[in-house]
Amino acid sequence: MTASAMSLPVCPTCGRPPQLSESQLARLQQALAALPPGKSLNFACPGCRQPLSLNAAPAAAAKAATVVVPPPPPSLAWMDDDRFKGQERTSDAPGALILCLDPAMRQAMQEVLATLGYQVRLADTTDAALEIMRFQTFGCVALHSEFEGNGLEGSRMHDFMRHLAMSRRRSIFYILLGPKLRTLYDLQALAHSANLVVAEADLPRFAQVLRRAIPSHEELFGPLVEELGDRLSAR
C-alpha cells in the first residue's frame, strides 16, 4: 500500500505526505483500524518529526463485514542473523515491570531488559503490580498470560492495561508472553491491545526480538509520545 492510497495528510513542514516504509504503513493501518469511529490517530512525520493525525472512518461509513483470512505469523529466520545478536540500544527508557511467576522466565526477561537499559521491577501479584503503577511510570510492561492462572481473558492486569487512558498507554511498550502466542505476530498483538507478543519457546531469543520490535515502535510513535508528555507536564 502506498501513502497516497492510504490518504495520508500533507505534512505542513515538508509540503508532502510523509514517506513511510511498507512496515510503517502496515502498523499505521492496523492502529487506525482499531480506533473507534470518529477518533483520530496521531503519529510523527519521519522526515521532520512534525506531529500528524489520521481520522478513523465514521460509523455510517463502515463497510459490510467480509471474511478476511489473516496473514500468517512472520518468519523468524532473521533472528539467526548476527546483526541482531549484539546490537546495543542507545535511547534512554524509563522502568520496566515484569509480571511472571516462573523464576527462570522472569530471570531471563529481567536480564535482557536490564541489558537494554531498563530499570527493572518485579511484582508477584496483580494487587502489588497495580500499586506499583500508581506511583511509578513505566516504559515497558511485560505480562505472562498465566500470571494470574486464568489466561488473558480472566486477567485483571491485562484488563487494566487494555483500559488505561490513552495519554498514559501510549508511553508504555506492552509485551505479552505465553504458550499460545506467536512471536512478532502483529495481528495477534493488536487483538490483545499489546505492542508485542512473544511465544514462550522464543524466550531464549528475547533480546533479538526486542531489538527489532522496540526501535520500530519508537521510530513511528516516539516523537508523539515525547510531545504528549511535554503537553501534560505543562498543565
C-alpha atoms as a PDB file:
ATOM      1  CA  MET A   1       0.000   0.000   0.000  1.00  0.00           C
ATOM      2  CA  THR A   2       1.273   3.462  -0.882  1.00  0.00           C
ATOM      3  CA  ALA A   3       0.977   6.611   1.182  1.00  0.00           C
ATOM      4  CA  SER A   4      -1.404   8.126  -1.347  1.00  0.00           C
ATOM      5  CA  ALA A   5      -3.648   5.031  -1.315  1.00  0.00           C
ATOM      6  CA  MET A   6      -3.973   5.429   2.432  1.00  0.00           C
ATOM      7  CA  SER A   7      -4.749   9.174   2.066  1.00  0.00           C
ATOM      8  CA  LEU A   8      -2.039  10.333   4.428  1.00  0.00           C
ATOM      9  CA  PRO A   9      -2.175  14.016   5.390  1.00  0.00           C
ATOM     10  CA  VAL A  10       0.252  16.505   3.851  1.00  0.00           C
ATOM     11  CA  CYS A  11       2.987  17.457   6.318  1.00  0.00           C
ATOM     12  CA  PRO A  12       2.894  21.274   6.709  1.00  0.00           C
ATOM     13  CA  THR A  13       6.674  21.359   7.162  1.00  0.00           C
ATOM     14  CA  CYS A  14       7.718  19.020   4.328  1.00  0.00           C
ATOM     15  CA  GLY A  15       4.890  20.074   1.989  1.00  0.00           C
ATOM     16  CA  ARG A  16       4.039  16.490   1.059  1.00  0.00           C
ATOM     17  CA  PRO A  17       2.594  13.311   2.605  1.00  0.00           C
ATOM     18  CA  PRO A  18       5.064  11.525   4.913  1.00  0.00           C
ATOM     19  CA  GLN A  19       7.307   8.988   3.207  1.00  0.00           C
ATOM     20  CA  LEU A  20       6.690   5.766   5.160  1.00  0.00           C
ATOM     21  CA  SER A  21       8.044   2.274   4.650  1.00  0.00           C
ATOM     22  CA  GLU A  22       5.725  -0.649   3.981  1.00  0.00           C
ATOM     23  CA  SER A  23       6.066  -1.835   7.587  1.00  0.00           C
ATOM     24  CA  GLN A  24       5.268   1.620   8.947  1.00  0.00           C
ATOM     25  CA  LEU A  25       2.226   1.883   6.668  1.00  0.00           C
ATOM     26  CA  ALA A  26       1.035  -1.529   7.860  1.00  0.00           C
ATOM     27  CA  ARG A  27       1.374  -0.523  11.524  1.00  0.00           C
ATOM     28  CA  LEU A  28      -0.496   2.729  10.889  1.00  0.00           C
ATOM     29  CA  GLN A  29      -3.254   0.856   9.094  1.00  0.00           C
ATOM     30  CA  GLN A  30      -3.604  -1.614  11.976  1.00  0.00           C
ATOM     31  CA  ALA A  31      -3.676   1.142  14.582  1.00  0.00           C
ATOM     32  CA  LEU A  32      -6.213   3.157  12.562  1.00  0.00           C
ATOM     33  CA  ALA A  33      -8.462   0.114  12.125  1.00  0.00           C
ATOM     34  CA  ALA A  34      -8.538  -0.378  15.909  1.00  0.00           C
ATOM     35  CA  LEU A  35      -9.759   3.173  16.602  1.00  0.00           C
ATOM     36  CA  PRO A  36     -13.422   3.829  17.449  1.00  0.00           C
ATOM     37  CA  PRO A  37     -15.316   5.670  14.678  1.00  0.00           C
ATOM     38  CA  GLY A  38     -14.607   9.392  14.630  1.00  0.00           C
ATOM     39  CA  LYS A  39     -11.425   9.178  16.725  1.00  0.00           C
ATOM     40  CA  SER A  40      -8.014  10.277  15.462  1.00  0.00           C
ATOM     41  CA  LEU A  41      -4.599   8.561  15.395  1.00  0.00           C
ATOM     42  CA  ASN A  42      -1.538  10.730  15.940  1.00  0.00           C
ATOM     43  CA  PHE A  43       1.893   9.895  14.530  1.00  0.00           C
ATOM     44  CA  ALA A  44       5.115  11.647  13.566  1.00  0.00           C
ATOM     45  CA  CYS A  45       6.349  12.599  10.106  1.00  0.00           C
ATOM     46  CA  PRO A  46       9.607  10.608   9.676  1.00  0.00           C
ATOM     47  CA  GLY A  47      11.150  13.475   7.725  1.00  0.00           C
ATOM     48  CA  CYS A  48      10.780  16.338  10.206  1.00  0.00           C
ATOM     49  CA  ARG A  49       9.083  14.748  13.306  1.00  0.00           C
ATOM     50  CA  GLN A  50       6.056  17.051  12.857  1.00  0.00           C
ATOM     51  CA  PRO A  51       3.008  15.509  14.626  1.00  0.00           C
ATOM     52  CA  LEU A  52       0.304  14.455  12.140  1.00  0.00           C
ATOM     53  CA  SER A  53      -3.075  12.799  12.580  1.00  0.00           C
ATOM     54  CA  LEU A  54      -5.432  10.444  10.757  1.00  0.00           C
ATOM     55  CA  ASN A  55      -9.155  10.176  11.423  1.00  0.00           C
ATOM     56  CA  ALA A  56     -10.978   6.873  11.781  1.00  0.00           C
ATOM     57  CA  ALA A  57     -13.900   6.349   9.435  1.00  0.00           C
ATOM     58  CA  PRO A  58     -17.290   7.469  10.833  1.00  0.00           C
ATOM     59  CA  ALA A  59     -19.675   4.742  11.919  1.00  0.00           C
ATOM     60  CA  ALA A  60     -22.024   5.448   8.992  1.00  0.00           C
ATOM     61  CA  ALA A  61     -19.240   4.741   6.531  1.00  0.00           C
ATOM     62  CA  ALA A  62     -18.440   1.294   7.906  1.00  0.00           C
ATOM     63  CA  LYS A  63     -18.440  -1.353   5.202  1.00  0.00           C
ATOM     64  CA  ALA A  64     -20.313  -4.622   5.341  1.00  0.00           C
ATOM     65  CA  ALA A  65     -18.405  -7.344   7.136  1.00  0.00           C
ATOM     66  CA  THR A  66     -16.381  -9.631   4.905  1.00  0.00           C
ATOM     67  CA  VAL A  67     -14.460 -12.765   5.667  1.00  0.00           C
ATOM     68  CA  VAL A  68     -10.756 -11.937   5.622  1.00  0.00           C
ATOM     69  CA  VAL A  69      -8.068 -14.560   6.038  1.00  0.00           C
ATOM     70  CA  PRO A  70      -5.336 -13.058   8.240  1.00  0.00           C
ATOM     71  CA  PRO A  71      -1.744 -13.308   7.064  1.00  0.00           C
ATOM     72  CA  PRO A  72       0.458 -15.933   8.710  1.00  0.00           C
ATOM     73  CA  PRO A  73       2.870 -15.032  11.518  1.00  0.00           C
ATOM     74  CA  PRO A  74       6.158 -13.582  10.250  1.00  0.00           C
ATOM     75  CA  SER A  75       9.218 -15.698   9.601  1.00  0.00           C
ATOM     76  CA  LEU A  76      11.718 -15.661  12.466  1.00  0.00           C
ATOM     77  CA  ALA A  77      14.691 -16.722  10.348  1.00  0.00           C
ATOM     78  CA  TRP A  78      16.195 -13.234  10.743  1.00  0.00           C
ATOM     79  CA  MET A  79      16.943 -13.979  14.423  1.00  0.00           C
ATOM     80  CA  ASP A  80      19.814 -16.204  13.327  1.00  0.00           C
ATOM     81  CA  ASP A  81      21.437 -13.142  11.718  1.00  0.00           C
ATOM     82  CA  ASP A  82      24.432 -11.982  13.771  1.00  0.00           C
ATOM     83  CA  ARG A  83      23.476  -8.349  13.135  1.00  0.00           C
ATOM     84  CA  PHE A  84      20.598  -8.696  15.602  1.00  0.00           C
ATOM     85  CA  LYS A  85      22.566 -10.530  18.300  1.00  0.00           C
ATOM     86  CA  GLY A  86      24.917  -7.858  19.559  1.00  0.00           C
ATOM     87  CA  GLN A  87      23.247  -4.528  18.960  1.00  0.00           C
ATOM     88  CA  GLU A  88      23.129  -2.054  21.780  1.00  0.00           C
ATOM     89  CA  ARG A  89      20.125   0.114  22.402  1.00  0.00           C
ATOM     90  CA  THR A  90      21.122   3.749  22.669  1.00  0.00           C
ATOM     91  CA  SER A  91      17.898   5.530  23.557  1.00  0.00           C
ATOM     92  CA  ASP A  92      17.004   6.114  27.184  1.00  0.00           C
ATOM     93  CA  ALA A  93      13.946   4.425  28.639  1.00  0.00           C
ATOM     94  CA  PRO A  94      12.011   4.520  31.921  1.00  0.00           C
ATOM     95  CA  GLY A  95      11.439   1.469  34.073  1.00  0.00           C
ATOM     96  CA  ALA A  96      10.195  -1.965  33.068  1.00  0.00           C
ATOM     97  CA  LEU A  97       7.719  -4.007  35.115  1.00  0.00           C
ATOM     98  CA  ILE A  98       7.851  -7.805  34.761  1.00  0.00           C
ATOM     99  CA  LEU A  99       4.816  -9.873  35.777  1.00  0.00           C
ATOM    100  CA  CYS A 100       5.743 -13.548  35.536  1.00  0.00           C
ATOM    101  CA  LEU A 101       5.745 -16.195  38.269  1.00  0.00           C
ATOM    102  CA  ASP A 102       8.098 -18.692  36.607  1.00  0.00           C
ATOM    103  CA  PRO A 103      11.549 -17.936  38.116  1.00  0.00           C
ATOM    104  CA  ALA A 104      13.554 -18.970  35.047  1.00  0.00           C
ATOM    105  CA  MET A 105      11.448 -16.997  32.569  1.00  0.00           C
ATOM    106  CA  ARG A 106      11.331 -13.990  34.860  1.00  0.00           C
ATOM    107  CA  GLN A 107      15.107 -14.040  35.275  1.00  0.00           C
ATOM    108  CA  ALA A 108      15.619 -14.316  31.520  1.00  0.00           C
ATOM    109  CA  MET A 109      13.383 -11.305  30.827  1.00  0.00           C
ATOM    110  CA  GLN A 110      14.960  -9.310  33.642  1.00  0.00           C
ATOM    111  CA  GLU A 111      18.484  -9.837  32.314  1.00  0.00           C
ATOM    112  CA  VAL A 112      17.517  -8.825  28.776  1.00  0.00           C
ATOM    113  CA  LEU A 113      15.576  -5.708  29.781  1.00  0.00           C
ATOM    114  CA  ALA A 114      18.358  -4.614  32.129  1.00  0.00           C
ATOM    115  CA  THR A 115      20.884  -5.048  29.324  1.00  0.00           C
ATOM    116  CA  LEU A 116      18.739  -2.819  27.107  1.00  0.00           C
ATOM    117  CA  GLY A 117      18.871  -0.062  29.700  1.00  0.00           C
ATOM    118  CA  TYR A 118      15.629  -0.513  31.632  1.00  0.00           C
ATOM    119  CA  GLN A 119      15.339  -0.207  35.396  1.00  0.00           C
ATOM    120  CA  VAL A 120      13.502  -3.459  36.128  1.00  0.00           C
ATOM    121  CA  ARG A 121      10.923  -4.043  38.862  1.00  0.00           C
ATOM    122  CA  LEU A 122       9.103  -7.265  39.683  1.00  0.00           C
ATOM    123  CA  ALA A 123       5.691  -7.977  41.179  1.00  0.00           C
ATOM    124  CA  ASP A 124       4.293 -11.298  42.383  1.00  0.00           C
ATOM    125  CA  THR A 125       0.609 -10.350  42.455  1.00  0.00           C
ATOM    126  CA  THR A 126      -1.745  -8.162  40.468  1.00  0.00           C
ATOM    127  CA  ASP A 127      -2.516  -6.056  43.535  1.00  0.00           C
ATOM    128  CA  ALA A 128       1.192  -5.382  44.019  1.00  0.00           C
ATOM    129  CA  ALA A 129       1.616  -4.507  40.339  1.00  0.00           C
ATOM    130  CA  LEU A 130      -1.305  -2.078  40.354  1.00  0.00           C
ATOM    131  CA  GLU A 131       0.008  -0.418  43.499  1.00  0.00           C
ATOM    132  CA  ILE A 132       3.464  -0.009  41.940  1.00  0.00           C
ATOM    133  CA  MET A 133       1.973   1.532  38.804  1.00  0.00           C
ATOM    134  CA  ARG A 134       0.108   4.104  40.872  1.00  0.00           C
ATOM    135  CA  PHE A 135       3.386   5.752  41.847  1.00  0.00           C
ATOM    136  CA  GLN A 136       5.835   4.931  39.052  1.00  0.00           C
ATOM    137  CA  THR A 137       5.835   5.477  35.295  1.00  0.00           C
ATOM    138  CA  PHE A 138       6.990   2.539  33.185  1.00  0.00           C
ATOM    139  CA  GLY A 139       8.175   2.484  29.606  1.00  0.00           C
ATOM    140  CA  CYS A 140       7.654  -1.272  29.385  1.00  0.00           C
ATOM    141  CA  VAL A 141       5.294  -3.784  30.998  1.00  0.00           C
ATOM    142  CA  ALA A 142       5.852  -7.499  30.319  1.00  0.00           C
ATOM    143  CA  LEU A 143       2.979  -9.801  31.339  1.00  0.00           C
ATOM    144  CA  HIS A 144       2.884 -13.588  31.157  1.00  0.00           C
ATOM    145  CA  SER A 145      -0.527 -14.823  30.048  1.00  0.00           C
ATOM    146  CA  GLU A 146      -0.720 -17.167  33.074  1.00  0.00           C
ATOM    147  CA  PHE A 147       0.444 -14.618  35.659  1.00  0.00           C
ATOM    148  CA  GLU A 148      -2.928 -14.925  37.402  1.00  0.00           C
ATOM    149  CA  GLY A 149      -3.517 -18.547  36.418  1.00  0.00           C
ATOM    150  CA  ASN A 150      -6.632 -17.995  34.312  1.00  0.00           C
ATOM    151  CA  GLY A 151      -5.338 -16.747  30.954  1.00  0.00           C
ATOM    152  CA  LEU A 152      -5.646 -13.306  29.454  1.00  0.00           C
ATOM    153  CA  GLU A 153      -9.436 -13.480  29.291  1.00  0.00           C
ATOM    154  CA  GLY A 154      -9.698 -13.539  33.087  1.00  0.00           C
ATOM    155  CA  SER A 155      -6.653 -11.398  33.871  1.00  0.00           C
ATOM    156  CA  ARG A 156      -7.249  -8.266  35.938  1.00  0.00           C
ATOM    157  CA  MET A 157      -3.825  -6.966  34.988  1.00  0.00           C
ATOM    158  CA  HIS A 158      -4.451  -7.389  31.274  1.00  0.00           C
ATOM    159  CA  ASP A 159      -7.843  -5.724  31.643  1.00  0.00           C
ATOM    160  CA  PHE A 160      -6.180  -2.813  33.457  1.00  0.00           C
ATOM    161  CA  MET A 161      -3.648  -2.378  30.655  1.00  0.00           C
ATOM    162  CA  ARG A 162      -6.332  -2.547  27.967  1.00  0.00           C
ATOM    163  CA  HIS A 163      -8.357   0.215  29.605  1.00  0.00           C
ATOM    164  CA  LEU A 164      -5.549   2.613  30.511  1.00  0.00           C
ATOM    165  CA  ALA A 165      -6.122   6.202  29.429  1.00  0.00           C
ATOM    166  CA  MET A 166      -4.515   6.704  26.021  1.00  0.00           C
ATOM    167  CA  SER A 167      -2.408   9.583  27.353  1.00  0.00           C
ATOM    168  CA  ARG A 168      -0.670   7.040  29.602  1.00  0.00           C
ATOM    169  CA  ARG A 169      -0.929   3.900  27.497  1.00  0.00           C
ATOM    170  CA  ARG A 170       0.931   5.433  24.529  1.00  0.00           C
ATOM    171  CA  SER A 171       4.117   5.703  26.571  1.00  0.00           C
ATOM    172  CA  ILE A 172       4.129   2.002  27.579  1.00  0.00           C
ATOM    173  CA  PHE A 173       5.546  -0.777  25.407  1.00  0.00           C
ATOM    174  CA  TYR A 174       3.216  -3.618  26.448  1.00  0.00           C
ATOM    175  CA  ILE A 175       4.592  -7.139  25.956  1.00  0.00           C
ATOM    176  CA  LEU A 176       2.593 -10.350  26.292  1.00  0.00           C
ATOM    177  CA  LEU A 177       4.393 -13.678  26.744  1.00  0.00           C
ATOM    178  CA  GLY A 178       2.688 -17.053  26.668  1.00  0.00           C
ATOM    179  CA  PRO A 179       2.485 -20.577  25.244  1.00  0.00           C
ATOM    180  CA  LYS A 180      -0.368 -19.730  22.846  1.00  0.00           C
ATOM    181  CA  LEU A 181       1.171 -16.550  21.439  1.00  0.00           C
ATOM    182  CA  ARG A 182       3.116 -16.220  18.180  1.00  0.00           C
ATOM    183  CA  THR A 183       6.269 -14.118  18.277  1.00  0.00           C
ATOM    184  CA  LEU A 184       6.078 -10.760  16.453  1.00  0.00           C
ATOM    185  CA  TYR A 185       2.588 -11.545  15.110  1.00  0.00           C
ATOM    186  CA  ASP A 186       1.189  -8.015  14.827  1.00  0.00           C
ATOM    187  CA  LEU A 187      -2.421  -9.093  14.291  1.00  0.00           C
ATOM    188  CA  GLN A 188      -2.353 -11.138  17.496  1.00  0.00           C
ATOM    189  CA  ALA A 189      -0.782  -8.233  19.365  1.00  0.00           C
ATOM    190  CA  LEU A 190      -3.443  -5.883  18.016  1.00  0.00           C
ATOM    191  CA  ALA A 191      -6.225  -8.261  19.061  1.00  0.00           C
ATOM    192  CA  HIS A 192      -4.863  -8.216  22.622  1.00  0.00           C
ATOM    193  CA  SER A 193      -4.186  -4.440  22.656  1.00  0.00           C
ATOM    194  CA  ALA A 194      -0.471  -5.156  23.086  1.00  0.00           C
ATOM    195  CA  ASN A 195       2.610  -3.809  21.325  1.00  0.00           C
ATOM    196  CA  LEU A 196       4.372  -7.165  21.095  1.00  0.00           C
ATOM    197  CA  VAL A 197       3.563 -10.841  21.593  1.00  0.00           C
ATOM    198  CA  VAL A 198       6.254 -13.441  22.283  1.00  0.00           C
ATOM    199  CA  ALA A 199       5.950 -17.218  22.370  1.00  0.00           C
ATOM    200  CA  GLU A 200       7.453 -18.966  25.395  1.00  0.00           C
ATOM    201  CA  ALA A 201       9.563 -21.076  23.060  1.00  0.00           C
ATOM    202  CA  ASP A 202      11.253 -17.929  21.726  1.00  0.00           C
ATOM    203  CA  LEU A 203      12.217 -16.556  25.144  1.00  0.00           C
ATOM    204  CA  PRO A 204      15.896 -17.583  24.645  1.00  0.00           C
ATOM    205  CA  ARG A 205      15.896 -15.061  21.762  1.00  0.00           C
ATOM    206  CA  PHE A 206      14.010 -12.386  23.695  1.00  0.00           C
ATOM    207  CA  ALA A 207      16.819  -9.847  23.272  1.00  0.00           C
ATOM    208  CA  GLN A 208      16.784 -10.173  19.488  1.00  0.00           C
ATOM    209  CA  VAL A 209      13.006  -9.839  19.385  1.00  0.00           C
ATOM    210  CA  LEU A 210      13.085  -6.634  21.444  1.00  0.00           C
ATOM    211  CA  ARG A 211      15.929  -5.114  19.448  1.00  0.00           C
ATOM    212  CA  ARG A 212      13.779  -5.483  16.369  1.00  0.00           C
ATOM    213  CA  ALA A 213      10.390  -4.522  17.822  1.00  0.00           C
ATOM    214  CA  ILE A 214      11.151  -1.555  20.099  1.00  0.00           C
ATOM    215  CA  PRO A 215      13.049   0.681  17.630  1.00  0.00           C
ATOM    216  CA  SER A 216      10.288   0.182  15.053  1.00  0.00           C
ATOM    217  CA  HIS A 217       7.694   1.255  17.614  1.00  0.00           C
ATOM    218  CA  GLU A 218       9.678   4.268  18.794  1.00  0.00           C
ATOM    219  CA  GLU A 219      10.502   5.432  15.265  1.00  0.00           C
ATOM    220  CA  LEU A 220       6.820   5.757  14.491  1.00  0.00           C
ATOM    221  CA  PHE A 221       5.315   6.863  17.807  1.00  0.00           C
ATOM    222  CA  GLY A 222       8.272   8.120  19.875  1.00  0.00           C
ATOM    223  CA  PRO A 223       8.122  11.815  18.873  1.00  0.00           C
ATOM    224  CA  LEU A 224       4.386  11.896  19.530  1.00  0.00           C
ATOM    225  CA  VAL A 225       4.825  10.345  22.980  1.00  0.00           C
ATOM    226  CA  GLU A 226       7.523  12.899  23.787  1.00  0.00           C
ATOM    227  CA  GLU A 227       5.319  15.796  22.672  1.00  0.00           C
ATOM    228  CA  LEU A 228       2.353  14.430  24.612  1.00  0.00           C
ATOM    229  CA  GLY A 229       4.496  14.209  27.739  1.00  0.00           C
ATOM    230  CA  ASP A 230       5.563  17.838  27.311  1.00  0.00           C
ATOM    231  CA  ARG A 231       1.948  18.935  26.969  1.00  0.00           C
ATOM    232  CA  LEU A 232       0.850  17.046  30.070  1.00  0.00           C
ATOM    233  CA  SER A 233       3.778  18.448  32.075  1.00  0.00           C
ATOM    234  CA  ALA A 234       2.800  21.982  31.080  1.00  0.00           C
ATOM    235  CA  ARG A 235      -0.694  21.617  32.518  1.00  0.00           C
END
